[in-house]
Amino acid sequence: MQHVLRCCVVVVFAAVAPLTGCRPAGHDAGVVEGADAEVAPATRAANEQAAKTVAASGGGRALEAARRGFVAAPTGQITDASGTVIWDFAAFDFVKGEPPATVHPGLWQQAIRNNQVGLFEVTDRIWQLRGFDLANMTLIRGDTGWIVVDTLTCRETAATALAFARRHLGDVPVSAVVFTHSHVDHFGGVLGVLSAEDAAARQVPIVAPAGFVAEATSENILAGTAMGRRAAYMFGDRLPRGPKGLVDVGLGKAVAAGRIGILPPTVIVAKPTEERVIDGVRFVFHNVPDTEAPSEFVFALPDLGAFCGAELMSHTLHNLYTLRGAKVRDALRWADELDRCRERVGDAEVLFLQHHWPVWGRDEIREFIVAQRDAYKFIHDQTVRMINAGLTGPEIAAR
């Protein structure tokens, strides 16, 4: 449990004491001089110890992968109609070099990887836009236009991302939209890439997994106000960007706060496995409900040698319980679906994700999936073992 909560919270913020006028219990009240004057000795010691593990983890390969296929990077800011800044591409320019004493070295390493922003070529006919929002927008070149996989959180970031891609890859229409799952950072910006009028006039396919509308409504309308408020705390939206504030949120740099919308799906993938041809591209969808999201699918692109892991997989330990109040994830089912994906990837040479950077190579893909599977299975199995042994929640977390 403790490790899961760290993914939600501690991975988000720099470890600074005190920002709120009080020091964590057990921390020495003494301070040091200079730029790191507010770092408690216990925090400093913990980060120095963690640096040894991080240094041995071979992070250089991950950074190379995060930079692979780079085409171009955006500059400036994204604003809304009133001039309010929605996204600032320079906000995290401080994330470089060695980690400051205020930041856990693992967080700093992840923050550097997530700060590789721009348009990237994944493989033939597949590109990604990363660092325009919390999630990735993936573009697949169909016979007549762009198949857009996930449309970011809000209209402003989605429109900017697609316009940036068109400048470098060609101004062709959106021929289809694919929502991988029911979390708002993957569908909320759809009206920035496709208007309702254009979608209806051209009968553009909008593809989503079974249960998508019900789950998107449940999370973002019925409980939307509470979830939004709690998310602001969970993701540190109001913290200043810097080594003593918001550094990274694990899955990406931050959450954009703009205009959110939705278009109703016209194609629902209802079967456990379902093959469809979308704008000339063959997709094999696999529903993976009640894992990372209540409604989610992954898919293979057999003719392109690629597999989309949606958010079932990512380059971090994802949370099973989210402080924003989403449904608790089933760790055992999540592990089971990851195990099935070892076979589903087939002969794919690249696994791309809707957060973070891809994984290339058949052996590397399977190793990555197995590591993800084992992490969630371990959390589930050891928690159950200790419950049966009579340990309490805090005792299990401490172990």
Protein backbone atom coordinates (compact mmCIF):
# COMPACT_ATOMS: atom_id res chain seq x y z
CA MET A 1 0.00 0.00 0.00
CA GLN A 2 2.75 2.41 0.94
CA HIS A 3 4.48 1.98 -2.41
CA VAL A 4 1.21 2.54 -4.26
CA LEU A 5 0.49 5.76 -2.39
CA ARG A 6 4.00 6.96 -3.09
CA CYS A 7 3.27 6.65 -6.77
CA CYS A 8 0.28 8.95 -6.31
CA VAL A 9 1.80 11.56 -4.05
CA VAL A 10 5.48 11.39 -3.19
CA VAL A 11 6.41 10.85 -6.83
CA VAL A 12 4.60 14.09 -7.61
CA PHE A 13 6.20 16.61 -5.30
CA ALA A 14 9.64 17.66 -4.22
CA ALA A 15 10.46 16.68 -0.64
CA VAL A 16 10.72 20.07 1.03
CA ALA A 17 10.25 20.91 4.68
CA PRO A 18 8.59 23.13 5.60
CA LEU A 19 6.37 24.47 2.81
CA THR A 20 3.31 24.66 5.04
CA GLY A 21 4.94 25.93 8.20
CA CYS A 22 5.40 22.53 9.87
CA ARG A 23 8.03 19.82 9.67
CA PRO A 24 7.24 16.10 9.29
CA ALA A 25 7.31 14.29 12.60
CA GLY A 26 10.72 12.99 13.53
CA HIS A 27 12.64 15.38 11.25
CA ASP A 28 15.45 17.38 12.77
CA ALA A 29 14.63 21.07 13.04
CA GLY A 30 18.10 22.11 11.88
CA VAL A 31 18.68 23.48 8.39
CA VAL A 32 21.64 23.97 6.12
CA GLU A 33 22.73 27.13 4.39
CA GLY A 34 22.34 27.95 0.70
CA ALA A 35 19.87 26.96 -2.01
CA ASP A 36 18.84 23.80 -0.16
CA ALA A 37 18.37 25.52 3.20
CA GLU A 38 14.87 24.11 3.72
CA VAL A 39 15.89 20.46 3.32
CA ALA A 40 15.54 18.52 6.56
CA PRO A 41 18.56 16.32 7.41
CA ALA A 42 16.40 13.19 7.31
CA THR A 43 15.17 14.08 3.81
CA ARG A 44 18.71 14.78 2.66
CA ALA A 45 19.97 11.47 4.05
CA ALA A 46 17.10 9.49 2.50
CA ASN A 47 17.68 11.06 -0.92
CA GLU A 48 21.42 10.40 -0.75
CA GLN A 49 20.74 6.76 0.07
CA ALA A 50 18.19 6.47 -2.74
CA ALA A 51 20.70 7.91 -5.20
CA LYS A 52 22.80 4.75 -4.88
CA THR A 53 19.91 2.57 -6.06
CA VAL A 54 18.96 4.97 -8.85
CA ALA A 55 22.56 5.12 -10.09
CA ALA A 56 22.61 1.34 -10.40
CA SER A 57 19.29 1.13 -12.27
CA GLY A 58 20.69 1.87 -15.73
CA GLY A 59 18.54 4.90 -16.44
CA GLY A 60 20.55 5.89 -19.51
CA ARG A 61 18.79 3.36 -21.75
CA ALA A 62 15.40 4.72 -20.76
CA LEU A 63 16.46 8.26 -21.59
CA GLU A 64 17.72 7.13 -24.99
CA ALA A 65 14.34 5.47 -25.62
CA ALA A 66 12.51 8.61 -24.49
CA ARG A 67 14.44 10.61 -27.11
CA ARG A 68 14.27 8.06 -29.92
CA GLY A 69 12.45 9.14 -33.08
CA PHE A 70 12.47 12.84 -32.21
CA VAL A 71 11.13 15.04 -35.03
CA ALA A 72 10.55 18.50 -33.56
CA ALA A 73 9.78 20.32 -30.29
CA PRO A 74 7.24 23.10 -29.64
CA THR A 75 8.00 26.37 -27.86
CA GLY A 76 5.99 29.04 -26.10
CA GLN A 77 2.67 28.65 -24.33
CA ILE A 78 -0.83 27.34 -24.97
CA THR A 79 -3.54 29.80 -23.95
CA ASP A 80 -7.32 29.80 -23.95
CA ALA A 81 -9.60 32.37 -25.58
CA SER A 82 -9.19 34.76 -22.64
CA GLY A 83 -5.40 34.55 -22.70
CA THR A 84 -5.08 32.32 -19.65
CA VAL A 85 -2.05 30.05 -19.92
CA ILE A 86 -3.13 26.42 -20.19
CA TRP A 87 0.33 24.95 -20.82
CA ASP A 88 3.85 26.39 -20.73
CA PHE A 89 6.47 24.40 -22.63
CA ALA A 90 9.29 26.11 -20.71
CA ALA A 91 7.81 25.50 -17.25
CA PHE A 92 10.02 22.49 -16.55
CA ASP A 93 13.26 23.75 -18.09
CA PHE A 94 14.80 23.55 -14.61
CA VAL A 95 14.68 19.73 -14.83
CA LYS A 96 18.23 18.97 -15.95
CA GLY A 97 21.55 17.91 -14.52
CA GLU A 98 21.99 16.32 -11.12
CA PRO A 99 19.03 16.16 -8.71
CA PRO A 100 18.82 18.93 -6.11
CA ALA A 101 18.71 17.90 -2.45
CA THR A 102 14.98 18.67 -2.35
CA VAL A 103 14.05 16.00 -4.91
CA HIS A 104 14.16 12.21 -4.73
CA PRO A 105 16.72 11.04 -7.33
CA GLY A 106 14.24 8.57 -8.84
CA LEU A 107 11.68 11.31 -9.32
CA TRP A 108 14.31 13.56 -10.88
CA GLN A 109 15.35 10.83 -13.31
CA GLN A 110 11.72 10.21 -14.30
CA ALA A 111 11.13 13.96 -14.63
CA ILE A 112 13.99 14.25 -17.11
CA ARG A 113 12.59 11.41 -19.23
CA ASN A 114 9.11 12.91 -19.15
CA ASN A 115 10.56 16.27 -20.19
CA GLN A 116 11.45 14.99 -23.65
CA VAL A 117 8.70 17.00 -25.34
CA GLY A 118 7.61 17.09 -28.94
CA LEU A 119 6.66 15.02 -31.98
CA PHE A 120 8.24 11.56 -32.22
CA GLU A 121 8.18 8.85 -34.88
CA VAL A 122 7.39 5.48 -33.29
CA THR A 123 7.59 3.35 -36.43
CA ASP A 124 6.36 3.49 -40.01
CA ARG A 125 2.96 5.31 -40.07
CA ILE A 126 2.83 5.85 -36.28
CA TRP A 127 3.81 9.05 -34.43
CA GLN A 128 3.29 10.39 -30.91
CA LEU A 129 2.95 13.85 -29.41
CA ARG A 130 4.39 13.85 -25.89
CA GLY A 131 4.59 16.60 -23.31
CA PHE A 132 1.61 18.61 -24.61
CA ASP A 133 -0.48 17.39 -21.65
CA LEU A 134 -0.39 14.58 -19.09
CA ALA A 135 -1.05 11.81 -21.64
CA ASN A 136 0.21 11.11 -25.17
CA MET A 137 -1.66 11.66 -28.42
CA THR A 138 -0.83 8.92 -30.93
CA LEU A 139 -1.33 9.46 -34.67
CA ILE A 140 -1.68 6.53 -37.07
CA ARG A 141 -1.64 7.30 -40.80
CA GLY A 142 -4.70 5.72 -42.38
CA ASP A 143 -5.59 5.56 -46.04
CA THR A 144 -7.38 8.94 -46.00
CA GLY A 145 -6.19 10.77 -42.88
CA TRP A 146 -5.08 10.64 -39.25
CA ILE A 147 -6.43 8.05 -36.85
CA VAL A 148 -6.10 9.90 -33.52
CA VAL A 149 -5.60 7.66 -30.49
CA ASP A 150 -6.53 9.58 -27.30
CA THR A 151 -7.16 13.30 -27.44
CA LEU A 152 -5.53 14.62 -24.24
CA THR A 153 -7.33 16.40 -21.40
CA CYS A 154 -8.64 19.59 -22.96
CA ARG A 155 -9.49 21.24 -26.24
CA GLU A 156 -6.61 23.73 -26.18
CA THR A 157 -3.77 21.23 -25.76
CA ALA A 158 -5.30 18.75 -28.21
CA ALA A 159 -5.75 21.38 -30.93
CA THR A 160 -2.18 22.61 -30.45
CA ALA A 161 -0.75 19.09 -30.59
CA LEU A 162 -2.58 18.15 -33.78
CA ALA A 163 -1.73 21.45 -35.46
CA PHE A 164 1.94 20.93 -34.57
CA ALA A 165 1.89 17.44 -36.09
CA ARG A 166 0.21 18.67 -39.25
CA ARG A 167 2.90 21.29 -39.76
CA HIS A 168 5.53 18.56 -39.84
CA LEU A 169 3.66 15.57 -41.25
CA GLY A 170 0.96 16.94 -43.52
CA ASP A 171 -2.41 18.65 -43.24
CA VAL A 172 -4.75 15.71 -43.72
CA PRO A 173 -8.16 15.29 -42.04
CA VAL A 174 -8.93 13.24 -38.95
CA SER A 175 -10.33 9.99 -40.32
CA ALA A 176 -11.07 8.29 -36.95
CA VAL A 177 -10.74 8.78 -33.20
CA VAL A 178 -9.90 5.99 -30.75
CA PHE A 179 -10.47 6.39 -27.00
CA THR A 180 -8.41 3.76 -25.18
CA HIS A 181 -10.20 4.22 -21.86
CA SER A 182 -12.56 6.27 -19.73
CA HIS A 183 -10.16 8.68 -17.97
CA VAL A 184 -10.55 12.31 -18.95
CA ASP A 185 -6.90 12.89 -19.92
CA HIS A 186 -7.53 10.50 -22.81
CA PHE A 187 -10.76 11.89 -24.25
CA GLY A 188 -11.44 15.39 -22.86
CA GLY A 189 -9.71 17.22 -25.71
CA VAL A 190 -11.59 15.54 -28.56
CA LEU A 191 -13.33 18.77 -29.65
CA GLY A 192 -9.87 20.21 -30.28
CA VAL A 193 -9.24 17.67 -33.04
CA LEU A 194 -12.74 17.08 -34.40
CA SER A 195 -15.91 19.14 -34.14
CA ALA A 196 -19.27 17.49 -33.56
CA GLU A 197 -20.51 18.90 -36.87
CA ASP A 198 -17.55 17.56 -38.85
CA ALA A 199 -17.77 14.18 -37.14
CA ALA A 200 -21.46 13.88 -38.06
CA ALA A 201 -21.10 15.21 -41.61
CA ARG A 202 -18.25 12.86 -42.52
CA GLN A 203 -19.44 10.00 -40.29
CA VAL A 204 -16.04 9.78 -38.65
CA PRO A 205 -15.70 6.56 -36.59
CA ILE A 206 -15.24 7.22 -32.87
CA VAL A 207 -14.10 3.97 -31.28
CA ALA A 208 -14.26 3.13 -27.57
CA PRO A 209 -14.30 0.08 -25.28
CA ALA A 210 -17.47 -1.38 -23.78
CA GLY A 211 -18.81 0.66 -20.86
CA PHE A 212 -16.95 3.82 -21.91
CA VAL A 213 -19.86 6.27 -21.76
CA ALA A 214 -21.17 5.01 -18.40
CA GLU A 215 -17.75 5.15 -16.77
CA ALA A 216 -16.79 8.52 -18.25
CA THR A 217 -20.10 9.95 -17.02
CA SER A 218 -19.77 8.38 -13.57
CA GLU A 219 -16.30 9.76 -12.98
CA ASN A 220 -16.50 13.17 -14.65
CA ILE A 221 -20.13 14.26 -14.17
CA LEU A 222 -21.71 12.47 -11.22
CA ALA A 223 -18.58 12.77 -9.09
CA GLY A 224 -16.85 15.34 -11.27
CA THR A 225 -16.78 18.27 -8.88
CA ALA A 226 -15.35 16.25 -6.00
CA MET A 227 -12.94 14.38 -8.23
CA GLY A 228 -11.67 17.60 -9.79
CA ARG A 229 -11.11 19.19 -6.39
CA ARG A 230 -9.25 16.17 -5.05
CA ALA A 231 -7.22 15.86 -8.26
CA ALA A 232 -5.95 19.41 -7.77
CA TYR A 233 -4.37 18.27 -4.51
CA MET A 234 -3.21 14.91 -5.82
CA PHE A 235 -1.43 16.39 -8.85
CA GLY A 236 -0.20 19.57 -7.16
CA ASP A 237 -1.80 21.85 -9.73
CA ARG A 238 -1.34 25.01 -7.64
CA LEU A 239 2.29 24.38 -6.69
CA PRO A 240 4.94 26.52 -8.37
CA ARG A 241 7.00 24.65 -10.95
CA GLY A 242 10.45 24.19 -9.49
CA PRO A 243 12.72 21.96 -7.39
CA LYS A 244 10.78 22.97 -4.26
CA GLY A 245 7.34 22.57 -5.81
CA LEU A 246 5.93 20.60 -8.74
CA VAL A 247 8.61 18.54 -10.45
CA ASP A 248 6.65 15.80 -12.25
CA VAL A 249 3.58 13.62 -11.75
CA GLY A 250 5.11 10.29 -12.67
CA LEU A 251 2.85 9.62 -15.65
CA GLY A 252 3.80 12.95 -17.23
CA LYS A 253 4.66 16.54 -16.42
CA ALA A 254 1.31 17.92 -15.23
CA VAL A 255 -2.43 18.03 -15.94
CA ALA A 256 -3.71 20.72 -18.31
CA ALA A 257 -6.72 22.74 -17.14
CA GLY A 258 -8.75 23.86 -20.15
CA ARG A 259 -12.09 23.20 -21.81
CA ILE A 260 -13.15 19.57 -21.58
CA GLY A 261 -15.60 17.90 -23.96
CA ILE A 262 -16.63 14.56 -25.36
CA LEU A 263 -18.05 13.00 -28.52
CA PRO A 264 -20.21 9.89 -28.17
CA PRO A 265 -18.60 6.74 -29.55
CA THR A 266 -20.05 5.41 -32.80
CA VAL A 267 -18.16 2.09 -32.62
CA ILE A 268 -18.19 0.11 -29.37
CA VAL A 269 -15.75 -2.76 -28.98
CA ALA A 270 -17.89 -5.17 -26.95
CA LYS A 271 -16.25 -8.58 -27.38
CA PRO A 272 -13.18 -9.66 -25.39
CA THR A 273 -11.21 -9.66 -28.66
CA GLU A 274 -12.47 -7.94 -31.78
CA GLU A 275 -10.84 -7.20 -35.14
CA ARG A 276 -11.82 -4.12 -37.15
CA VAL A 277 -10.43 -2.25 -40.13
CA ILE A 278 -10.36 1.51 -39.56
CA ASP A 279 -9.42 3.76 -42.49
CA GLY A 280 -7.57 0.85 -44.09
CA VAL A 281 -5.63 -0.10 -40.94
CA ARG A 282 -6.24 -3.46 -39.27
CA PHE A 283 -6.80 -3.25 -35.50
CA VAL A 284 -7.16 -6.20 -33.11
CA PHE A 285 -8.75 -4.87 -29.91
CA HIS A 286 -8.58 -6.64 -26.54
CA ASN A 287 -10.89 -5.40 -23.79
CA VAL A 288 -9.17 -5.18 -20.37
CA PRO A 289 -11.95 -3.81 -18.11
CA ASP A 290 -11.56 -3.22 -14.36
CA THR A 291 -7.79 -2.90 -14.55
CA GLU A 292 -6.24 0.57 -14.80
CA ALA A 293 -9.68 1.86 -15.78
CA PRO A 294 -13.16 0.32 -15.50
CA SER A 295 -13.47 0.62 -19.29
CA GLU A 296 -10.27 0.10 -21.29
CA PHE A 297 -8.78 -1.77 -24.22
CA VAL A 298 -5.36 -2.42 -25.68
CA PHE A 299 -4.84 -3.21 -29.37
CA ALA A 300 -2.49 -4.77 -31.88
CA LEU A 301 -1.64 -3.34 -35.30
CA PRO A 302 -0.42 -6.61 -36.90
CA ASP A 303 0.38 -5.14 -40.30
CA LEU A 304 2.47 -2.35 -38.73
CA GLY A 305 4.33 -4.58 -36.25
CA ALA A 306 3.07 -2.53 -33.30
CA PHE A 307 1.02 -2.95 -30.13
CA CYS A 308 -0.68 -0.23 -28.04
CA GLY A 309 -0.58 -0.88 -24.28
CA ALA A 310 -2.96 2.05 -23.56
CA GLU A 311 -2.51 2.75 -19.82
CA LEU A 312 -2.47 -0.89 -18.81
CA MET A 313 1.31 -0.45 -18.95
CA SER A 314 3.57 2.49 -18.15
CA HIS A 315 7.15 3.27 -17.13
CA THR A 316 6.23 3.65 -13.47
CA LEU A 317 4.38 1.77 -10.77
CA HIS A 318 0.83 2.95 -11.34
CA ASN A 319 -1.51 3.57 -8.43
CA LEU A 320 -4.11 1.03 -7.38
CA TYR A 321 -5.87 3.56 -5.16
CA THR A 322 -6.04 7.14 -6.41
CA LEU A 323 -6.33 10.05 -4.00
CA ARG A 324 -8.63 11.79 -6.47
CA GLY A 325 -11.27 9.14 -5.77
CA ALA A 326 -11.39 6.95 -8.88
CA LYS A 327 -12.51 3.37 -8.42
CA VAL A 328 -9.92 1.19 -6.70
CA ARG A 329 -8.08 -0.93 -9.26
CA ASP A 330 -8.10 -4.73 -9.06
CA ALA A 331 -4.40 -5.64 -8.80
CA LEU A 332 -4.98 -9.34 -9.48
CA ARG A 333 -7.05 -8.75 -12.62
CA TRP A 334 -4.51 -6.17 -13.77
CA ALA A 335 -1.71 -8.73 -13.40
CA ASP A 336 -3.76 -11.37 -15.22
CA GLU A 337 -4.45 -9.08 -18.19
CA LEU A 338 -0.77 -8.16 -18.38
CA ASP A 339 0.07 -11.86 -18.46
CA ARG A 340 -2.34 -12.35 -21.38
CA CYS A 341 -0.66 -9.48 -23.20
CA ARG A 342 2.56 -11.48 -23.41
CA GLU A 343 0.78 -13.54 -26.06
CA ARG A 344 -1.29 -10.72 -27.51
CA VAL A 345 1.76 -8.69 -28.57
CA GLY A 346 2.64 -11.47 -31.02
CA ASP A 347 5.54 -10.48 -33.26
CA ALA A 348 5.25 -6.76 -32.56
CA GLU A 349 8.59 -4.94 -32.74
CA VAL A 350 7.36 -1.89 -30.84
CA LEU A 351 5.04 -1.41 -27.87
CA PHE A 352 3.74 2.14 -27.57
CA LEU A 353 1.96 3.53 -24.53
CA GLN A 354 -0.48 6.37 -23.92
CA HIS A 355 1.85 7.75 -21.27
CA HIS A 356 5.64 7.78 -21.60
CA TRP A 357 7.86 6.48 -24.40
CA PRO A 358 7.69 3.19 -26.37
CA VAL A 359 9.56 -0.08 -25.90
CA TRP A 360 11.33 -1.52 -28.95
CA GLY A 361 12.40 -5.12 -29.54
CA ARG A 362 10.54 -8.39 -28.93
CA ASP A 363 12.63 -9.47 -25.96
CA GLU A 364 12.52 -6.02 -24.39
CA ILE A 365 8.72 -5.87 -24.80
CA ARG A 366 8.17 -9.17 -23.04
CA GLU A 367 10.60 -8.28 -20.26
CA PHE A 368 8.77 -4.99 -19.73
CA ILE A 369 5.34 -6.65 -19.56
CA VAL A 370 6.55 -9.34 -17.15
CA ALA A 371 8.03 -6.73 -14.81
CA GLN A 372 4.72 -4.83 -14.81
CA ARG A 373 2.77 -8.04 -14.18
CA ASP A 374 4.99 -9.13 -11.32
CA ALA A 375 4.79 -5.75 -9.56
CA TYR A 376 0.99 -5.78 -9.28
CA LYS A 377 0.87 -9.50 -8.50
CA PHE A 378 3.39 -9.05 -5.69
CA ILE A 379 1.39 -6.20 -4.13
CA HIS A 380 -1.79 -8.29 -4.27
CA ASP A 381 -0.31 -11.58 -3.03
CA GLN A 382 1.76 -10.17 -0.18
CA THR A 383 -1.08 -7.95 1.03
CA VAL A 384 -3.43 -10.95 1.16
CA ARG A 385 -0.77 -13.08 2.87
CA MET A 386 -0.26 -10.49 5.60
CA ILE A 387 -3.99 -9.89 6.04
CA ASN A 388 -4.39 -13.62 6.69
CA ALA A 389 -1.48 -13.45 9.14
CA GLY A 390 -3.41 -10.86 11.15
CA LEU A 391 -1.53 -7.70 10.26
CA THR A 392 -3.34 -4.36 10.09
CA GLY A 393 -3.28 -1.99 7.14
CA PRO A 394 -0.53 0.27 8.55
CA GLU A 395 1.54 -2.78 9.50
CA ILE A 396 1.24 -4.19 5.96
CA ALA A 397 2.25 -0.85 4.49
CA ALA A 398 5.29 -0.64 6.77
CA ARG A 399 6.48 -4.08 5.62
